[in-house]
PDB file of N, CA and C in Angstrom:
ATOM      1  N   MET A   1       0.858  -1.503   0.277  1.00  0.00           N
ATOM      2  CA  MET A   1      -0.230   0.091  -0.001  1.00  0.00           C
ATOM      3  C   MET A   1       1.046   1.307   0.212  1.00  0.00           C
ATOM      4  N   GLU A   2       0.204   2.103  -0.336  1.00  0.00           N
ATOM      5  CA  GLU A   2       1.385   3.678  -0.628  1.00  0.00           C
ATOM      6  C   GLU A   2       1.034   4.118   0.621  1.00  0.00           C
ATOM      7  N   GLY A   3       2.570   4.954   1.004  1.00  0.00           N
ATOM      8  CA  GLY A   3       2.896   6.123   2.420  1.00  0.00           C
ATOM      9  C   GLY A   3       2.165   7.330   1.743  1.00  0.00           C
ATOM     10  N   LYS A   4       2.578   8.535   2.273  1.00  0.00           N
ATOM     11  CA  LYS A   4       2.554   9.605   2.095  1.00  0.00           C
ATOM     12  C   LYS A   4       2.648   9.923   0.717  1.00  0.00           C
ATOM     13  N   GLU A   5       4.378   9.611   0.775  1.00  0.00           N
ATOM     14  CA  GLU A   5       5.151  10.032  -0.058  1.00  0.00           C
ATOM     15  C   GLU A   5       4.880   9.591  -1.235  1.00  0.00           C
ATOM     16  N   GLU A   6       4.708   7.878  -1.559  1.00  0.00           N
ATOM     17  CA  GLU A   6       4.382   7.342  -2.521  1.00  0.00           C
ATOM     18  C   GLU A   6       3.303   7.713  -2.920  1.00  0.00           C
ATOM     19  N   LYS A   7       2.054   8.176  -2.090  1.00  0.00           N
ATOM     20  CA  LYS A   7       0.614   8.575  -2.605  1.00  0.00           C
ATOM     21  C   LYS A   7       1.087   9.589  -3.219  1.00  0.00           C
ATOM     22  N   ALA A   8       1.645  10.666  -3.131  1.00  0.00           N
ATOM     23  CA  ALA A   8       2.032  12.447  -3.686  1.00  0.00           C
ATOM     24  C   ALA A   8       2.282  11.800  -4.934  1.00  0.00           C
ATOM     25  N   SER A   9       3.196  10.906  -5.062  1.00  0.00           N
ATOM     26  CA  SER A   9       3.479  10.787  -6.712  1.00  0.00           C
ATOM     27  C   SER A   9       2.707   9.943  -7.389  1.00  0.00           C
ATOM     28  N   ALA A  10       1.812   9.120  -6.845  1.00  0.00           N
ATOM     29  CA  ALA A  10       0.727   8.632  -7.516  1.00  0.00           C
ATOM     30  C   ALA A  10      -0.037   9.625  -8.329  1.00  0.00           C
ATOM     31  N   CYS A  11      -0.269  10.512  -7.200  1.00  0.00           N
ATOM     32  CA  CYS A  11      -0.996  11.573  -7.789  1.00  0.00           C
ATOM     33  C   CYS A  11      -0.123  12.537  -9.308  1.00  0.00           C
ATOM     34  N   ALA A  12       1.093  12.581  -8.863  1.00  0.00           N
ATOM     35  CA  ALA A  12       1.645  12.979 -10.080  1.00  0.00           C
ATOM     36  C   ALA A  12       2.257  11.818 -11.107  1.00  0.00           C
ATOM     37  N   LYS A  13       1.548  10.825 -11.452  1.00  0.00           N
ATOM     38  CA  LYS A  13       1.867   9.977 -12.068  1.00  0.00           C
ATOM     39  C   LYS A  13       1.917  10.352 -13.475  1.00  0.00           C
ATOM     40  N   GLU A  14       2.742   9.626 -14.724  1.00  0.00           N
ATOM     41  CA  GLU A  14       2.526  10.089 -15.891  1.00  0.00           C
ATOM     42  C   GLU A  14       1.679   8.951 -16.465  1.00  0.00           C
ATOM     43  N   GLN A  15       1.024   9.002 -17.521  1.00  0.00           N
ATOM     44  CA  GLN A  15       0.067   7.888 -18.397  1.00  0.00           C
ATOM     45  C   GLN A  15       0.818   7.310 -18.073  1.00  0.00           C
ATOM     46  N   THR A  16      -0.251   5.752 -18.558  1.00  0.00           N
ATOM     47  CA  THR A  16       0.412   4.685 -19.168  1.00  0.00           C
ATOM     48  C   THR A  16      -0.490   3.983 -20.044  1.00  0.00           C
ATOM     49  N   GLU A  17      -0.362   2.983 -20.536  1.00  0.00           N
ATOM     50  CA  GLU A  17      -0.689   2.493 -21.722  1.00  0.00           C
ATOM     51  C   GLU A  17      -2.448   2.009 -20.996  1.00  0.00           C
ATOM     52  N   GLU A  18      -2.287   1.130 -20.041  1.00  0.00           N
ATOM     53  CA  GLU A  18      -3.443   0.645 -19.429  1.00  0.00           C
ATOM     54  C   GLU A  18      -3.880   1.104 -18.007  1.00  0.00           C
ATOM     55  N   ASN A  19      -2.982   2.364 -18.054  1.00  0.00           N
ATOM     56  CA  ASN A  19      -3.632   3.471 -16.758  1.00  0.00           C
ATOM     57  C   ASN A  19      -3.267   4.848 -17.049  1.00  0.00           C
ATOM     58  N   SER A  20      -4.251   5.158 -17.680  1.00  0.00           N
ATOM     59  CA  SER A  20      -3.957   6.893 -18.005  1.00  0.00           C
ATOM     60  C   SER A  20      -4.717   7.716 -17.065  1.00  0.00           C
ATOM     61  N   ALA A  21      -4.050   8.316 -16.568  1.00  0.00           N
ATOM     62  CA  ALA A  21      -3.595   9.515 -14.938  1.00  0.00           C
ATOM     63  C   ALA A  21      -3.956  10.431 -16.037  1.00  0.00           C
ATOM     64  N   THR A  22      -4.994  11.333 -15.632  1.00  0.00           N
ATOM     65  CA  THR A  22      -5.546  12.821 -16.084  1.00  0.00           C
ATOM     66  C   THR A  22      -5.346  13.920 -14.858  1.00  0.00           C
ATOM     67  N   PRO A  23      -4.812  15.128 -14.689  1.00  0.00           N
ATOM     68  CA  PRO A  23      -5.226  16.053 -13.791  1.00  0.00           C
ATOM     69  C   PRO A  23      -6.601  16.548 -13.764  1.00  0.00           C
ATOM     70  N   LYS A  24      -6.210  16.488 -12.315  1.00  0.00           N
ATOM     71  CA  LYS A  24      -7.350  17.333 -11.691  1.00  0.00           C
ATOM     72  C   LYS A  24      -7.393  18.760 -11.154  1.00  0.00           C
ATOM     73  N   GLU A  25      -8.558  19.313 -11.107  1.00  0.00           N
ATOM     74  CA  GLU A  25      -8.428  20.764 -10.355  1.00  0.00           C
ATOM     75  C   GLU A  25      -7.621  21.041  -8.857  1.00  0.00           C
ATOM     76  N   ASP A  26      -7.743  19.829  -8.232  1.00  0.00           N
ATOM     77  CA  ASP A  26      -6.852  19.953  -6.905  1.00  0.00           C
ATOM     78  C   ASP A  26      -5.351  19.406  -7.189  1.00  0.00           C
ATOM     79  N   GLY A  27      -5.632  19.396  -8.751  1.00  0.00           N
ATOM     80  CA  GLY A  27      -3.570  18.754  -8.420  1.00  0.00           C
ATOM     81  C   GLY A  27      -3.444  17.471  -8.559  1.00  0.00           C
ATOM     82  N   CYS A  28      -4.363  16.748  -7.958  1.00  0.00           N
ATOM     83  CA  CYS A  28      -4.230  15.104  -8.048  1.00  0.00           C
ATOM     84  C   CYS A  28      -5.023  14.552  -8.779  1.00  0.00           C
ATOM     85  N   LYS A  29      -4.255  13.543  -9.662  1.00  0.00           N
ATOM     86  CA  LYS A  29      -4.516  12.887 -11.249  1.00  0.00           C
ATOM     87  C   LYS A  29      -5.728  11.844 -10.760  1.00  0.00           C
ATOM     88  N   THR A  30      -6.990  11.296 -11.213  1.00  0.00           N
ATOM     89  CA  THR A  30      -7.832  10.596 -11.558  1.00  0.00           C
ATOM     90  C   THR A  30      -6.626   9.494 -12.706  1.00  0.00           C
ATOM     91  N   ILE A  31      -6.803   7.930 -12.274  1.00  0.00           N
ATOM     92  CA  ILE A  31      -6.671   6.927 -13.297  1.00  0.00           C
ATOM     93  C   ILE A  31      -7.435   6.094 -14.068  1.00  0.00           C
ATOM     94  N   LYS A  32      -7.387   6.054 -15.031  1.00  0.00           N
ATOM     95  CA  LYS A  32      -8.254   5.287 -15.930  1.00  0.00           C
ATOM     96  C   LYS A  32      -8.196   3.830 -15.904  1.00  0.00           C
ATOM     97  N   VAL A  33      -8.832   2.757 -15.128  1.00  0.00           N
ATOM     98  CA  VAL A  33      -8.403   1.110 -15.182  1.00  0.00           C
ATOM     99  C   VAL A  33      -9.685   0.093 -15.272  1.00  0.00           C
ATOM    100  N   GLU A  34      -9.624  -0.037 -16.289  1.00  0.00           N
ATOM    101  CA  GLU A  34     -10.660  -1.085 -16.725  1.00  0.00           C
ATOM    102  C   GLU A  34     -11.537  -0.140 -18.233  1.00  0.00           C
ATOM    103  N   GLY A  35     -11.292   0.781 -17.791  1.00  0.00           N
ATOM    104  CA  GLY A  35     -12.263   1.908 -18.578  1.00  0.00           C
ATOM    105  C   GLY A  35     -12.798   2.632 -17.978  1.00  0.00           C
ATOM    106  N   GLN A  36     -12.345   2.736 -16.231  1.00  0.00           N
ATOM    107  CA  GLN A  36     -13.239   3.081 -15.274  1.00  0.00           C
ATOM    108  C   GLN A  36     -12.339   4.340 -14.466  1.00  0.00           C
ATOM    109  N   GLU A  37     -13.145   5.330 -14.652  1.00  0.00           N
ATOM    110  CA  GLU A  37     -11.754   6.655 -13.627  1.00  0.00           C
ATOM    111  C   GLU A  37     -12.032   6.514 -12.885  1.00  0.00           C
ATOM    112  N   LEU A  38     -11.040   6.608 -12.092  1.00  0.00           N
ATOM    113  CA  LEU A  38     -10.738   6.651 -10.549  1.00  0.00           C
ATOM    114  C   LEU A  38     -10.395   7.661 -10.288  1.00  0.00           C
ATOM    115  N   ASP A  39     -11.127   8.409  -8.479  1.00  0.00           N
ATOM    116  CA  ASP A  39     -10.029   9.324  -8.197  1.00  0.00           C
ATOM    117  C   ASP A  39      -9.240   8.307  -7.134  1.00  0.00           C
ATOM    118  N   LEU A  40      -7.595   8.772  -7.412  1.00  0.00           N
ATOM    119  CA  LEU A  40      -6.764   8.149  -6.718  1.00  0.00           C
ATOM    120  C   LEU A  40      -6.903   9.166  -5.063  1.00  0.00           C
ATOM    121  N   GLU A  41      -7.726   9.786  -4.355  1.00  0.00           N
ATOM    122  CA  GLU A  41      -7.423   9.781  -3.610  1.00  0.00           C
ATOM    123  C   GLU A  41      -8.765   8.904  -2.771  1.00  0.00           C
ATOM    124  N   GLU A  42      -9.819   8.608  -3.750  1.00  0.00           N
ATOM    125  CA  GLU A  42     -10.909   8.158  -3.307  1.00  0.00           C
ATOM    126  C   GLU A  42     -10.649   6.709  -3.194  1.00  0.00           C
ATOM    127  N   LYS A  43      -9.612   6.492  -4.163  1.00  0.00           N
ATOM    128  CA  LYS A  43      -9.184   4.622  -4.366  1.00  0.00           C
ATOM    129  C   LYS A  43      -8.169   4.454  -2.815  1.00  0.00           C
ATOM    130  N   TRP A  44      -7.752   5.644  -2.134  1.00  0.00           N
ATOM    131  CA  TRP A  44      -6.716   5.128  -1.324  1.00  0.00           C
ATOM    132  C   TRP A  44      -8.261   5.405   0.072  1.00  0.00           C
ATOM    133  N   LEU A  45      -9.026   6.001   0.082  1.00  0.00           N
ATOM    134  CA  LEU A  45     -10.219   6.031   0.981  1.00  0.00           C
ATOM    135  C   LEU A  45     -10.917   4.460   0.982  1.00  0.00           C
ATOM    136  N   ASN A  46     -11.184   4.108  -0.524  1.00  0.00           N
ATOM    137  CA  ASN A  46     -11.848   2.979  -0.500  1.00  0.00           C
ATOM    138  C   ASN A  46     -10.998   1.509   0.125  1.00  0.00           C
ATOM    139  N   ASP A  47      -9.488   1.814  -0.485  1.00  0.00           N
ATOM    140  CA  ASP A  47      -8.746   0.690   0.809  1.00  0.00           C
ATOM    141  C   ASP A  47      -8.960   0.903   2.194  1.00  0.00           C
ATOM    142  N   VAL A  48      -8.196   2.214   2.709  1.00  0.00           N
ATOM    143  CA  VAL A  48      -8.520   2.456   4.177  1.00  0.00           C
ATOM    144  C   VAL A  48      -9.528   1.966   4.654  1.00  0.00           C
ATOM    145  N   LEU A  49     -10.840   2.075   4.090  1.00  0.00           N
ATOM    146  CA  LEU A  49     -11.823   1.881   4.799  1.00  0.00           C
ATOM    147  C   LEU A  49     -12.766   0.255   4.629  1.00  0.00           C
ATOM    148  N   SER A  50     -11.802  -0.323   3.515  1.00  0.00           N
ATOM    149  CA  SER A  50     -12.129  -1.574   3.492  1.00  0.00           C
ATOM    150  C   SER A  50     -11.130  -2.703   4.253  1.00  0.00           C
ATOM    151  N   GLY A  51     -10.317  -2.101   4.922  1.00  0.00           N
ATOM    152  CA  GLY A  51      -9.635  -3.001   6.112  1.00  0.00           C
ATOM    153  C   GLY A  51      -8.070  -2.605   5.497  1.00  0.00           C
ATOM    154  N   GLU A  52      -7.875  -2.408   4.532  1.00  0.00           N
ATOM    155  CA  GLU A  52      -6.255  -2.578   3.984  1.00  0.00           C
ATOM    156  C   GLU A  52      -4.973  -1.550   4.729  1.00  0.00           C
ATOM    157  N   ASP A  53      -4.334  -1.916   4.914  1.00  0.00           N
ATOM    158  CA  ASP A  53      -3.044  -0.858   5.796  1.00  0.00           C
ATOM    159  C   ASP A  53      -2.790   0.232   4.501  1.00  0.00           C
ATOM    160  N   PRO A  54      -3.318   1.279   5.454  1.00  0.00           N
ATOM    161  CA  PRO A  54      -3.298   2.844   5.023  1.00  0.00           C
ATOM    162  C   PRO A  54      -1.637   2.910   4.313  1.00  0.00           C
ATOM    163  N   GLY A  55      -0.625   2.445   4.526  1.00  0.00           N
ATOM    164  CA  GLY A  55       0.581   2.648   4.559  1.00  0.00           C
ATOM    165  C   GLY A  55       0.834   3.470   5.258  1.00  0.00           C
ATOM    166  N   GLY A  56       1.241   3.661   6.480  1.00  0.00           N
ATOM    167  CA  GLY A  56       1.507   4.526   7.267  1.00  0.00           C
ATOM    168  C   GLY A  56       0.945   5.532   7.665  1.00  0.00           C
ATOM    169  N   GLU A  57      -0.288   5.451   6.990  1.00  0.00           N
ATOM    170  CA  GLU A  57      -1.325   6.816   7.287  1.00  0.00           C
ATOM    171  C   GLU A  57      -1.534   7.124   8.580  1.00  0.00           C
ATOM    172  N   SER A  58      -1.514   8.330   9.093  1.00  0.00           N
ATOM    173  CA  SER A  58      -1.680   8.488  10.649  1.00  0.00           C
ATOM    174  C   SER A  58      -3.347   8.919  10.861  1.00  0.00           C
ATOM    175  N   PHE A  59      -3.510   8.796  12.178  1.00  0.00           N
ATOM    176  CA  PHE A  59      -4.364   9.391  12.696  1.00  0.00           C
ATOM    177  C   PHE A  59      -5.087  10.663  12.191  1.00  0.00           C
ATOM    178  N   GLU A  60      -4.286  11.646  12.259  1.00  0.00           N
ATOM    179  CA  GLU A  60      -4.178  13.159  11.315  1.00  0.00           C
ATOM    180  C   GLU A  60      -4.147  12.939   9.976  1.00  0.00           C
ATOM    181  N   ALA A  61      -3.809  12.308   8.668  1.00  0.00           N
ATOM    182  CA  ALA A  61      -3.997  12.029   7.667  1.00  0.00           C
ATOM    183  C   ALA A  61      -5.593  11.564   7.485  1.00  0.00           C
ATOM    184  N   LEU A  62      -6.028  10.434   8.367  1.00  0.00           N
ATOM    185  CA  LEU A  62      -7.194   9.766   8.220  1.00  0.00           C
ATOM    186  C   LEU A  62      -8.350  10.951   8.292  1.00  0.00           C
ATOM    187  N   PHE A  63      -7.772  11.769   9.453  1.00  0.00           N
ATOM    188  CA  PHE A  63      -9.240  12.893   9.873  1.00  0.00           C
ATOM    189  C   PHE A  63      -9.099  14.317   9.107  1.00  0.00           C
ATOM    190  N   ALA A  64      -8.150  14.842   8.534  1.00  0.00           N
ATOM    191  CA  ALA A  64      -7.991  15.700   7.193  1.00  0.00           C
ATOM    192  C   ALA A  64      -8.836  15.251   6.295  1.00  0.00           C
ATOM    193  N   LYS A  65      -9.194  13.365   6.128  1.00  0.00           N
ATOM    194  CA  LYS A  65      -9.945  13.425   4.818  1.00  0.00           C
ATOM    195  C   LYS A  65     -11.425  12.684   5.418  1.00  0.00           C
ATOM    196  N   PHE A  66     -11.806  13.305   6.640  1.00  0.00           N
ATOM    197  CA  PHE A  66     -13.270  13.362   7.447  1.00  0.00           C
ATOM    198  C   PHE A  66     -14.008  13.761   6.499  1.00  0.00           C
ATOM    199  N   ALA A  67     -13.892  14.902   6.283  1.00  0.00           N
ATOM    200  CA  ALA A  67     -15.008  15.966   5.346  1.00  0.00           C
ATOM    201  C   ALA A  67     -15.524  15.473   4.076  1.00  0.00           C
ATOM    202  N   SER A  68     -14.434  14.319   3.278  1.00  0.00           N
ATOM    203  CA  SER A  68     -14.812  14.081   1.782  1.00  0.00           C
ATOM    204  C   SER A  68     -15.673  12.517   2.439  1.00  0.00           C
ATOM    205  N   MET A  69     -15.179  12.206   3.750  1.00  0.00           N
ATOM    206  CA  MET A  69     -16.070  10.663   4.323  1.00  0.00           C
ATOM    207  C   MET A  69     -17.522  11.494   4.598  1.00  0.00           C
ATOM    208  N   LYS A  70     -18.288  12.574   4.848  1.00  0.00           N
ATOM    209  CA  LYS A  70     -19.012  13.101   5.597  1.00  0.00           C
ATOM    210  C   LYS A  70     -19.715  13.546   4.229  1.00  0.00           C
ATOM    211  N   ASP A  71     -19.219  13.747   3.393  1.00  0.00           N
ATOM    212  CA  ASP A  71     -19.521  14.509   2.030  1.00  0.00           C
ATOM    213  C   ASP A  71     -20.390  12.404   1.367  1.00  0.00           C
ATOM    214  N   ARG A  72     -19.510  11.875   1.252  1.00  0.00           N
ATOM    215  CA  ARG A  72     -19.811  10.693   0.740  1.00  0.00           C
ATOM    216  C   ARG A  72     -21.092   9.726   1.464  1.00  0.00           C
ATOM    217  N   ALA A  73     -21.287   9.755   2.467  1.00  0.00           N
ATOM    218  CA  ALA A  73     -21.884   9.150   3.585  1.00  0.00           C
ATOM    219  C   ALA A  73     -23.236  10.336   3.265  1.00  0.00           C
ATOM    220  N   SER A  74     -23.133  11.536   3.212  1.00  0.00           N
ATOM    221  CA  SER A  74     -24.736  11.896   2.903  1.00  0.00           C
ATOM    222  C   SER A  74     -25.575  11.681   1.973  1.00  0.00           C
ATOM    223  N   GLY A  75     -24.668  10.908   1.000  1.00  0.00           N
ATOM    224  CA  GLY A  75     -25.635  10.638  -0.138  1.00  0.00           C
ATOM    225  C   GLY A  75     -25.913   9.191  -0.420  1.00  0.00           C
ATOM    226  N   LEU A  76     -25.830   8.331   1.516  1.00  0.00           N
ATOM    227  CA  LEU A  76     -26.401   7.160   1.393  1.00  0.00           C
ATOM    228  C   LEU A  76     -27.334   7.346   2.066  1.00  0.00           C
ATOM    229  N   ASN A  77     -28.303   6.239   1.553  1.00  0.00           N
ATOM    230  CA  ASN A  77     -29.555   5.607   2.731  1.00  0.00           C
ATOM    231  C   ASN A  77     -29.232   5.093   4.110  1.00  0.00           C
ATOM    232  N   GLY A  78     -30.279   5.172   5.078  1.00  0.00           N
ATOM    233  CA  GLY A  78     -29.745   4.794   6.110  1.00  0.00           C
ATOM    234  C   GLY A  78     -29.253   3.392   6.370  1.00  0.00           C
ATOM    235  N   ASP A  79     -29.422   2.282   5.914  1.00  0.00           N
ATOM    236  CA  ASP A  79     -28.617   1.276   5.876  1.00  0.00           C
ATOM    237  C   ASP A  79     -26.996   1.110   5.965  1.00  0.00           C
ATOM    238  N   GLU A  80     -27.182   1.495   4.376  1.00  0.00           N
ATOM    239  CA  GLU A  80     -25.494   1.996   3.389  1.00  0.00           C
ATOM    240  C   GLU A  80     -24.896   2.869   4.767  1.00  0.00           C
ATOM    241  N   ARG A  81     -25.373   4.254   5.115  1.00  0.00           N
ATOM    242  CA  ARG A  81     -24.758   4.614   5.756  1.00  0.00           C
ATOM    243  C   ARG A  81     -24.210   4.576   7.087  1.00  0.00           C
ATOM    244  N   LYS A  82     -25.265   3.904   7.726  1.00  0.00           N
ATOM    245  CA  LYS A  82     -24.604   2.761   8.967  1.00  0.00           C
ATOM    246  C   LYS A  82     -23.441   1.830   8.781  1.00  0.00           C
ATOM    247  N   LYS A  83     -23.515   0.921   7.469  1.00  0.00           N
ATOM    248  CA  LYS A  83     -22.430   0.617   7.480  1.00  0.00           C
ATOM    249  C   LYS A  83     -21.171   1.026   6.838  1.00  0.00           C
ATOM    250  N   TYR A  84     -21.470   2.182   6.198  1.00  0.00           N
ATOM    251  CA  TYR A  84     -20.226   3.139   5.983  1.00  0.00           C
ATOM    252  C   TYR A  84     -19.561   3.715   7.254  1.00  0.00           C
ATOM    253  N   ALA A  85     -20.404   4.122   8.044  1.00  0.00           N
ATOM    254  CA  ALA A  85     -19.745   4.747   9.500  1.00  0.00           C
ATOM    255  C   ALA A  85     -19.402   3.668  10.236  1.00  0.00           C
ATOM    256  N   GLU A  86     -19.717   2.674  10.240  1.00  0.00           N
ATOM    257  CA  GLU A  86     -18.933   1.514  10.757  1.00  0.00           C
ATOM    258  C   GLU A  86     -17.024   1.314  10.557  1.00  0.00           C
ATOM    259  N   LYS A  87     -17.484   1.637   9.140  1.00  0.00           N
ATOM    260  CA  LYS A  87     -16.270   1.548   8.170  1.00  0.00           C
ATOM    261  C   LYS A  87     -15.213   2.147   8.870  1.00  0.00           C
ATOM    262  N   VAL A  88     -16.020   3.926   8.733  1.00  0.00           N
ATOM    263  CA  VAL A  88     -14.948   4.930   9.246  1.00  0.00           C
ATOM    264  C   VAL A  88     -14.569   4.726  10.196  1.00  0.00           C
ATOM    265  N   ALA A  89     -15.275   4.136  11.405  1.00  0.00           N
ATOM    266  CA  ALA A  89     -14.910   4.008  13.284  1.00  0.00           C
ATOM    267  C   ALA A  89     -14.112   2.891  13.123  1.00  0.00           C
ATOM    268  N   ILE A  90     -13.866   1.936  11.630  1.00  0.00           N
ATOM    269  CA  ILE A  90     -12.675   0.973  12.472  1.00  0.00           C
ATOM    270  C   ILE A  90     -11.770   1.296  11.756  1.00  0.00           C
ATOM    271  N   ALA A  91     -11.561   2.100  11.036  1.00  0.00           N
ATOM    272  CA  ALA A  91     -10.591   2.640   9.869  1.00  0.00           C
ATOM    273  C   ALA A  91      -9.737   3.306  11.116  1.00  0.00           C
ATOM    274  N   PHE A  92     -10.601   4.682  11.807  1.00  0.00           N
ATOM    275  CA  PHE A  92     -10.205   5.816  13.033  1.00  0.00           C
ATOM    276  C   PHE A  92      -9.369   4.304  14.265  1.00  0.00           C
ATOM    277  N   TRP A  93      -9.792   3.402  14.549  1.00  0.00           N
ATOM    278  CA  TRP A  93      -9.385   2.541  15.258  1.00  0.00           C
ATOM    279  C   TRP A  93      -8.556   2.132  15.013  1.00  0.00           C
ATOM    280  N   ARG A  94      -8.410   1.807  14.032  1.00  0.00           N
ATOM    281  CA  ARG A  94      -6.959   1.259  13.392  1.00  0.00           C
ATOM    282  C   ARG A  94      -5.912   2.282  13.539  1.00  0.00           C
ATOM    283  N   ALA A  95      -6.296   3.249  12.873  1.00  0.00           N
ATOM    284  CA  ALA A  95      -5.191   4.822  12.307  1.00  0.00           C
ATOM    285  C   ALA A  95      -4.769   4.658  14.082  1.00  0.00           C
ATOM    286  N   MET A  96      -5.615   4.632  14.973  1.00  0.00           N
ATOM    287  CA  MET A  96      -5.357   4.821  16.552  1.00  0.00           C
ATOM    288  C   MET A  96      -4.595   3.632  16.931  1.00  0.00           C
ATOM    289  N   GLY A  97      -4.323   2.681  16.452  1.00  0.00           N
ATOM    290  CA  GLY A  97      -3.831   1.713  16.953  1.00  0.00           C
ATOM    291  C   GLY A  97      -4.211   0.966  17.706  1.00  0.00           C
ATOM    292  N   GLY A  98      -5.383   0.751  17.488  1.00  0.00           N
ATOM    293  CA  GLY A  98      -6.404   0.231  18.433  1.00  0.00           C
ATOM    294  C   GLY A  98      -5.845  -1.120  18.567  1.00  0.00           C
ATOM    295  N   ASP A  99      -6.486  -2.272  19.488  1.00  0.00           N
ATOM    296  CA  ASP A  99      -6.534  -3.529  19.429  1.00  0.00           C
ATOM    297  C   ASP A  99      -7.606  -4.381  18.325  1.00  0.00           C
ATOM    298  N   GLU A 100      -7.093  -4.937  17.586  1.00  0.00           N
ATOM    299  CA  GLU A 100      -7.968  -5.969  16.667  1.00  0.00           C
ATOM    300  C   GLU A 100      -8.545  -6.901  17.283  1.00  0.00           C
ATOM    301  N   ASP A 101      -8.758  -7.255  18.536  1.00  0.00           N
ATOM    302  CA  ASP A 101      -9.107  -7.970  19.046  1.00  0.00           C
ATOM    303  C   ASP A 101     -10.821  -7.490  19.462  1.00  0.00           C
ATOM    304  N   GLU A 102     -10.622  -5.656  19.768  1.00  0.00           N
ATOM    305  CA  GLU A 102     -11.382  -5.703  20.167  1.00  0.00           C
ATOM    306  C   GLU A 102     -12.473  -5.137  19.259  1.00  0.00           C
ATOM    307  N   ILE A 103     -12.193  -5.109  18.323  1.00  0.00           N
ATOM    308  CA  ILE A 103     -13.126  -4.690  16.842  1.00  0.00           C
ATOM    309  C   ILE A 103     -12.980  -5.749  16.290  1.00  0.00           C
ATOM    310  N   GLU A 104     -12.792  -6.929  16.445  1.00  0.00           N
ATOM    311  CA  GLU A 104     -13.066  -8.503  15.583  1.00  0.00           C
ATOM    312  C   GLU A 104     -14.416  -8.996  15.532  1.00  0.00           C
ATOM    313  N   GLY A 105     -15.379  -9.033  14.583  1.00  0.00           N
ATOM    314  CA  GLY A 105     -16.210  -9.646  14.430  1.00  0.00           C
ATOM    315  C   GLY A 105     -17.555  -8.526  14.084  1.00  0.00           C
ATOM    316  N   LEU A 106     -16.748  -6.631  14.263  1.00  0.00           N
ATOM    317  CA  LEU A 106     -17.578  -5.679  14.276  1.00  0.00           C
ATOM    318  C   LEU A 106     -18.077  -5.273  12.546  1.00  0.00           C
ATOM    319  N   ASP A 107     -17.081  -5.716  11.743  1.00  0.00           N
ATOM    320  CA  ASP A 107     -17.125  -4.975  10.424  1.00  0.00           C
ATOM    321  C   ASP A 107     -18.663  -6.070   9.672  1.00  0.00           C
ATOM    322  N   SER A 108     -19.406  -5.238   9.744  1.00  0.00           N
ATOM    323  CA  SER A 108     -20.774  -6.586   8.584  1.00  0.00           C
ATOM    324  C   SER A 108     -20.427  -6.735   7.720  1.00  0.00           C
ATOM    325  N   ASP A 109     -18.816  -6.566   7.108  1.00  0.00           N
ATOM    326  CA  ASP A 109     -18.938  -7.871   5.611  1.00  0.00           C
ATOM    327  C   ASP A 109     -18.167  -8.187   5.857  1.00  0.00           C
ATOM    328  N   GLU A 110     -17.521  -8.473   6.762  1.00  0.00           N
ATOM    329  CA  GLU A 110     -17.122 -10.112   7.479  1.00  0.00           C
ATOM    330  C   GLU A 110     -17.908 -11.378   7.490  1.00  0.00           C
TER     331      GLU A 110
END
């Protein structure tokens, strides 16, 4: 998984044949994978929320993305919002170094 420096370089990644990157207004790029455009920031967030190692991202880095998580949650229905909130809470727990035994079985996707 990407660390802070690698994530920054991913935003500056040049075009490749199978993954073409295009600049966005915020300076980060989108990446085209299998014909679908994906914001690299959103991909990182999805990886973190799905339980993947955020690559050394700290609680502060995750908290800085909280507004984007809140915006995403506002577009979800009740059940989807609850599941998303659970994933966000688990991601923050892991970022703070919380004990995995205490959250084992909480993720509704497991």
